[in-house]
Structures are given as C-alpha cells and as structure tokens.
Amino acid sequence: AAIVCTFQEYAGRCGDKHKLCQAELKELLQRELPTWTPMEFREGDYNKFLSVLDSDKDGEVDFV
C-alpha cells in the first residue's frame, strides 16, 4: 500500500493522475530513493529507468 500511495503522491502533475511522466518519476526517485539516485545520475540514467518500467512504451509509468 505504501508503494501505491507514494506513486499517487507524484502522479498527475504532468496530466494523467494514474501515470508518472519522466519528470514525476525523476522527482520520485530523487526524493524517495536518494541512495538509488546519486547526484552523478545523468538524464540518460533516468531515461533507462523509464524504459524499463514503461511496459507499453507510452513514455509514462503506470500500474496497468
């Protein structure tokens, strides 16, 4: 339940409240998992995260 609540806290700022856009995913990772996303993370690293989590390749992350 905590994962879903955290997801919902960040989702929707770019539009769809049921999905995370790249900016929302980046903010979630930086704030909630700072040890997973060190300062030296580059934009390409976030793109890789997104591509792994984006199962339908729409550029956003969801639980569907």
C-alpha atoms as a PDB file:
ATOM      1  CA  ALA A   1       0.000   0.000   0.000  1.00  0.00           C
ATOM      2  CA  ALA A   2       2.888   2.376   0.718  1.00  0.00           C
ATOM      3  CA  ILE A   3       4.210   1.998  -2.834  1.00  0.00           C
ATOM      4  CA  VAL A   4       0.816   2.842  -4.330  1.00  0.00           C
ATOM      5  CA  CYS A   5       0.382   5.853  -2.024  1.00  0.00           C
ATOM      6  CA  THR A   6       3.820   7.179  -2.952  1.00  0.00           C
ATOM      7  CA  PHE A   7       3.083   6.636  -6.655  1.00  0.00           C
ATOM      8  CA  GLN A   8      -0.207   8.531  -6.329  1.00  0.00           C
ATOM      9  CA  GLU A   9       1.507  11.378  -4.486  1.00  0.00           C
ATOM     10  CA  TYR A  10       3.736  12.074  -7.503  1.00  0.00           C
ATOM     11  CA  ALA A  11       1.430  11.034 -10.365  1.00  0.00           C
ATOM     12  CA  GLY A  12      -0.759  13.522 -12.173  1.00  0.00           C
ATOM     13  CA  ARG A  13       1.417  16.605 -12.084  1.00  0.00           C
ATOM     14  CA  CYS A  14       2.020  16.234 -15.841  1.00  0.00           C
ATOM     15  CA  GLY A  15      -1.568  15.294 -16.642  1.00  0.00           C
ATOM     16  CA  ASP A  16      -2.848  11.763 -16.060  1.00  0.00           C
ATOM     17  CA  LYS A  17      -3.229  11.127 -12.318  1.00  0.00           C
ATOM     18  CA  HIS A  18      -2.780   7.389 -12.889  1.00  0.00           C
ATOM     19  CA  LYS A  19       0.653   7.676 -14.543  1.00  0.00           C
ATOM     20  CA  LEU A  20       4.103   9.084 -13.874  1.00  0.00           C
ATOM     21  CA  CYS A  21       5.725  11.103 -16.635  1.00  0.00           C
ATOM     22  CA  GLN A  22       9.519  11.213 -16.823  1.00  0.00           C
ATOM     23  CA  ALA A  23       9.749  14.366 -14.670  1.00  0.00           C
ATOM     24  CA  GLU A  24       7.493  12.844 -11.999  1.00  0.00           C
ATOM     25  CA  LEU A  25       9.470   9.603 -11.994  1.00  0.00           C
ATOM     26  CA  LYS A  26      12.725  11.532 -11.652  1.00  0.00           C
ATOM     27  CA  GLU A  27      11.367  13.565  -8.726  1.00  0.00           C
ATOM     28  CA  LEU A  28      10.015  10.438  -7.006  1.00  0.00           C
ATOM     29  CA  LEU A  29      13.352   8.641  -7.357  1.00  0.00           C
ATOM     30  CA  GLN A  30      15.370  11.634  -6.139  1.00  0.00           C
ATOM     31  CA  ARG A  31      13.177  12.315  -3.108  1.00  0.00           C
ATOM     32  CA  GLU A  32      12.052   8.849  -2.057  1.00  0.00           C
ATOM     33  CA  LEU A  33      15.090   6.759  -3.051  1.00  0.00           C
ATOM     34  CA  PRO A  34      18.084   9.092  -2.778  1.00  0.00           C
ATOM     35  CA  THR A  35      20.567   6.249  -2.280  1.00  0.00           C
ATOM     36  CA  TRP A  36      19.419   4.730  -5.603  1.00  0.00           C
ATOM     37  CA  THR A  37      19.798   8.001  -7.477  1.00  0.00           C
ATOM     38  CA  PRO A  38      23.135   9.574  -6.593  1.00  0.00           C
ATOM     39  CA  MET A  39      23.918  13.133  -7.624  1.00  0.00           C
ATOM     40  CA  GLU A  40      26.032  11.872 -10.509  1.00  0.00           C
ATOM     41  CA  PHE A  41      22.973  10.291 -12.160  1.00  0.00           C
ATOM     42  CA  ARG A  42      22.618  11.697 -15.638  1.00  0.00           C
ATOM     43  CA  GLU A  43      19.437  12.320 -17.595  1.00  0.00           C
ATOM     44  CA  GLY A  44      20.182   9.177 -19.612  1.00  0.00           C
ATOM     45  CA  ASP A  45      20.067   7.131 -16.411  1.00  0.00           C
ATOM     46  CA  TYR A  46      16.512   8.325 -15.737  1.00  0.00           C
ATOM     47  CA  ASN A  47      15.626   7.505 -19.349  1.00  0.00           C
ATOM     48  CA  LYS A  48      16.860   3.941 -18.746  1.00  0.00           C
ATOM     49  CA  PHE A  49      14.741   3.671 -15.590  1.00  0.00           C
ATOM     50  CA  LEU A  50      11.722   4.877 -17.538  1.00  0.00           C
ATOM     51  CA  SER A  51      12.290   2.485 -20.433  1.00  0.00           C
ATOM     52  CA  VAL A  52      12.458  -0.499 -18.061  1.00  0.00           C
ATOM     53  CA  LEU A  53       9.291   0.490 -16.171  1.00  0.00           C
ATOM     54  CA  ASP A  54       7.297   1.694 -19.203  1.00  0.00           C
ATOM     55  CA  SER A  55       5.810  -1.615 -20.359  1.00  0.00           C
ATOM     56  CA  ASP A  56       3.502  -0.129 -23.019  1.00  0.00           C
ATOM     57  CA  LYS A  57       6.122   2.370 -24.263  1.00  0.00           C
ATOM     58  CA  ASP A  58       3.867   5.432 -23.955  1.00  0.00           C
ATOM     59  CA  GLY A  59       6.545   7.464 -22.178  1.00  0.00           C
ATOM     60  CA  GLU A  60       4.883   7.124 -18.775  1.00  0.00           C
ATOM     61  CA  VAL A  61       4.818   4.631 -15.900  1.00  0.00           C
ATOM     62  CA  ASP A  62       1.605   3.099 -14.604  1.00  0.00           C
ATOM     63  CA  PHE A  63       0.394   0.015 -12.718  1.00  0.00           C
ATOM     64  CA  VAL A  64      -1.752  -1.311 -15.580  1.00  0.00           C
END
